[in-house]
Amino acid sequence: MIAVLPLALQKIENEYLLFGAAGLVSLAAFVGLILVPALGSYGRAWEKLVAGFLSLFVLAALVLVGLVIGVVIFLNWDAISKWF
């Protein structure tokens, strides 16, 4: 007899845990290295708001660069794997 577990109780695979941990580390690095200094550099509330908004553009640029690098590696993996 096969026991069917609810979705919340199913085993989470290692890949999802690793990607989740990498995402949390990346988010913590963004907050600690980009957002906090940007917000701390200004005194007025509207300046802090604009600095936070512009920091989101930095985050989007970092994500976009990461995606482009990932796609390039994915598409050229046959040639890259020969280097090893």
C-alpha atoms as a PDB file:
ATOM      1  CA  MET A   1       0.000   0.000   0.000  1.00  0.00           C
ATOM      2  CA  ILE A   2       1.443   3.378  -1.014  1.00  0.00           C
ATOM      3  CA  ALA A   3       1.047   6.112   1.548  1.00  0.00           C
ATOM      4  CA  VAL A   4       0.221   9.485   0.040  1.00  0.00           C
ATOM      5  CA  LEU A   5       1.579  12.401   2.029  1.00  0.00           C
ATOM      6  CA  PRO A   6       0.038  15.845   1.839  1.00  0.00           C
ATOM      7  CA  LEU A   7       2.115  18.309  -0.160  1.00  0.00           C
ATOM      8  CA  ALA A   8       3.332  20.079   2.983  1.00  0.00           C
ATOM      9  CA  LEU A   9       4.721  16.836   4.421  1.00  0.00           C
ATOM     10  CA  GLN A  10       6.574  15.578   1.365  1.00  0.00           C
ATOM     11  CA  LYS A  11      10.349  15.442   1.448  1.00  0.00           C
ATOM     12  CA  ILE A  12      12.060  18.534   0.078  1.00  0.00           C
ATOM     13  CA  GLU A  13      14.892  17.634  -2.268  1.00  0.00           C
ATOM     14  CA  ASN A  14      18.437  18.845  -1.591  1.00  0.00           C
ATOM     15  CA  GLU A  15      18.525  21.070  -4.685  1.00  0.00           C
ATOM     16  CA  TYR A  16      15.610  23.144  -3.426  1.00  0.00           C
ATOM     17  CA  LEU A  17      17.233  23.536  -0.028  1.00  0.00           C
ATOM     18  CA  LEU A  18      20.525  24.622  -1.599  1.00  0.00           C
ATOM     19  CA  PHE A  19      18.869  27.106  -3.975  1.00  0.00           C
ATOM     20  CA  GLY A  20      16.795  28.483  -1.111  1.00  0.00           C
ATOM     21  CA  ALA A  21      19.877  28.899   1.081  1.00  0.00           C
ATOM     22  CA  ALA A  22      21.756  30.588  -1.781  1.00  0.00           C
ATOM     23  CA  GLY A  23      18.822  32.941  -2.301  1.00  0.00           C
ATOM     24  CA  LEU A  24      18.747  33.876   1.390  1.00  0.00           C
ATOM     25  CA  VAL A  25      22.512  34.494   1.467  1.00  0.00           C
ATOM     26  CA  SER A  26      22.245  36.641  -1.668  1.00  0.00           C
ATOM     27  CA  LEU A  27      19.353  38.635  -0.231  1.00  0.00           C
ATOM     28  CA  ALA A  28      21.220  39.155   3.041  1.00  0.00           C
ATOM     29  CA  ALA A  29      24.302  40.329   1.107  1.00  0.00           C
ATOM     30  CA  PHE A  30      22.183  42.774  -0.899  1.00  0.00           C
ATOM     31  CA  VAL A  31      20.559  44.190   2.209  1.00  0.00           C
ATOM     32  CA  GLY A  32      23.801  44.408   4.170  1.00  0.00           C
ATOM     33  CA  LEU A  33      26.092  45.679   1.422  1.00  0.00           C
ATOM     34  CA  ILE A  34      23.810  47.831  -0.745  1.00  0.00           C
ATOM     35  CA  LEU A  35      20.480  48.724   0.878  1.00  0.00           C
ATOM     36  CA  VAL A  36      21.596  49.586   4.426  1.00  0.00           C
ATOM     37  CA  PRO A  37      24.471  51.881   3.340  1.00  0.00           C
ATOM     38  CA  ALA A  38      22.218  53.561   0.772  1.00  0.00           C
ATOM     39  CA  LEU A  39      19.537  54.271   3.351  1.00  0.00           C
ATOM     40  CA  GLY A  40      22.062  55.359   5.960  1.00  0.00           C
ATOM     41  CA  SER A  41      23.608  57.926   3.639  1.00  0.00           C
ATOM     42  CA  TYR A  42      20.597  60.227   3.694  1.00  0.00           C
ATOM     43  CA  GLY A  43      18.727  62.001   6.452  1.00  0.00           C
ATOM     44  CA  ARG A  44      15.366  62.981   5.021  1.00  0.00           C
ATOM     45  CA  ALA A  45      12.591  60.443   4.604  1.00  0.00           C
ATOM     46  CA  TRP A  46      12.036  61.153   0.908  1.00  0.00           C
ATOM     47  CA  GLU A  47      15.766  60.777   0.216  1.00  0.00           C
ATOM     48  CA  LYS A  48      15.783  57.404   1.974  1.00  0.00           C
ATOM     49  CA  LEU A  49      12.722  56.361  -0.039  1.00  0.00           C
ATOM     50  CA  VAL A  50      14.390  57.295  -3.328  1.00  0.00           C
ATOM     51  CA  ALA A  51      17.649  55.593  -2.306  1.00  0.00           C
ATOM     52  CA  GLY A  52      15.713  52.422  -1.477  1.00  0.00           C
ATOM     53  CA  PHE A  53      13.863  52.592  -4.791  1.00  0.00           C
ATOM     54  CA  LEU A  54      17.115  53.040  -6.728  1.00  0.00           C
ATOM     55  CA  SER A  55      18.634  50.132  -4.813  1.00  0.00           C
ATOM     56  CA  LEU A  56      15.923  47.958  -6.357  1.00  0.00           C
ATOM     57  CA  PHE A  57      17.363  48.843  -9.767  1.00  0.00           C
ATOM     58  CA  VAL A  58      20.767  47.662  -8.557  1.00  0.00           C
ATOM     59  CA  LEU A  59      19.155  44.413  -7.399  1.00  0.00           C
ATOM     60  CA  ALA A  60      17.431  43.991 -10.772  1.00  0.00           C
ATOM     61  CA  ALA A  61      20.725  44.582 -12.588  1.00  0.00           C
ATOM     62  CA  LEU A  62      22.507  41.995 -10.434  1.00  0.00           C
ATOM     63  CA  VAL A  63      19.750  39.442 -11.047  1.00  0.00           C
ATOM     64  CA  LEU A  64      19.818  40.150 -14.787  1.00  0.00           C
ATOM     65  CA  VAL A  65      23.607  39.727 -14.958  1.00  0.00           C
ATOM     66  CA  GLY A  66      23.316  36.437 -13.059  1.00  0.00           C
ATOM     67  CA  LEU A  67      20.621  35.181 -15.409  1.00  0.00           C
ATOM     68  CA  VAL A  68      22.646  36.103 -18.497  1.00  0.00           C
ATOM     69  CA  ILE A  69      25.735  34.337 -17.150  1.00  0.00           C
ATOM     70  CA  GLY A  70      23.636  31.289 -16.290  1.00  0.00           C
ATOM     71  CA  VAL A  71      22.069  31.144 -19.757  1.00  0.00           C
ATOM     72  CA  VAL A  72      25.460  31.511 -21.449  1.00  0.00           C
ATOM     73  CA  ILE A  73      26.872  28.666 -19.363  1.00  0.00           C
ATOM     74  CA  PHE A  74      23.797  26.534 -20.027  1.00  0.00           C
ATOM     75  CA  LEU A  75      23.906  27.067 -23.786  1.00  0.00           C
ATOM     76  CA  ASN A  76      27.669  26.478 -24.034  1.00  0.00           C
ATOM     77  CA  TRP A  77      27.988  23.646 -21.526  1.00  0.00           C
ATOM     78  CA  ASP A  78      29.240  21.153 -24.116  1.00  0.00           C
ATOM     79  CA  ALA A  79      32.271  23.315 -24.868  1.00  0.00           C
ATOM     80  CA  ILE A  80      32.799  24.323 -21.222  1.00  0.00           C
ATOM     81  CA  SER A  81      32.703  20.732 -19.949  1.00  0.00           C
ATOM     82  CA  LYS A  82      35.634  19.828 -22.215  1.00  0.00           C
ATOM     83  CA  TRP A  83      37.842  22.213 -20.267  1.00  0.00           C
ATOM     84  CA  PHE A  84      37.637  19.945 -17.229  1.00  0.00           C
END
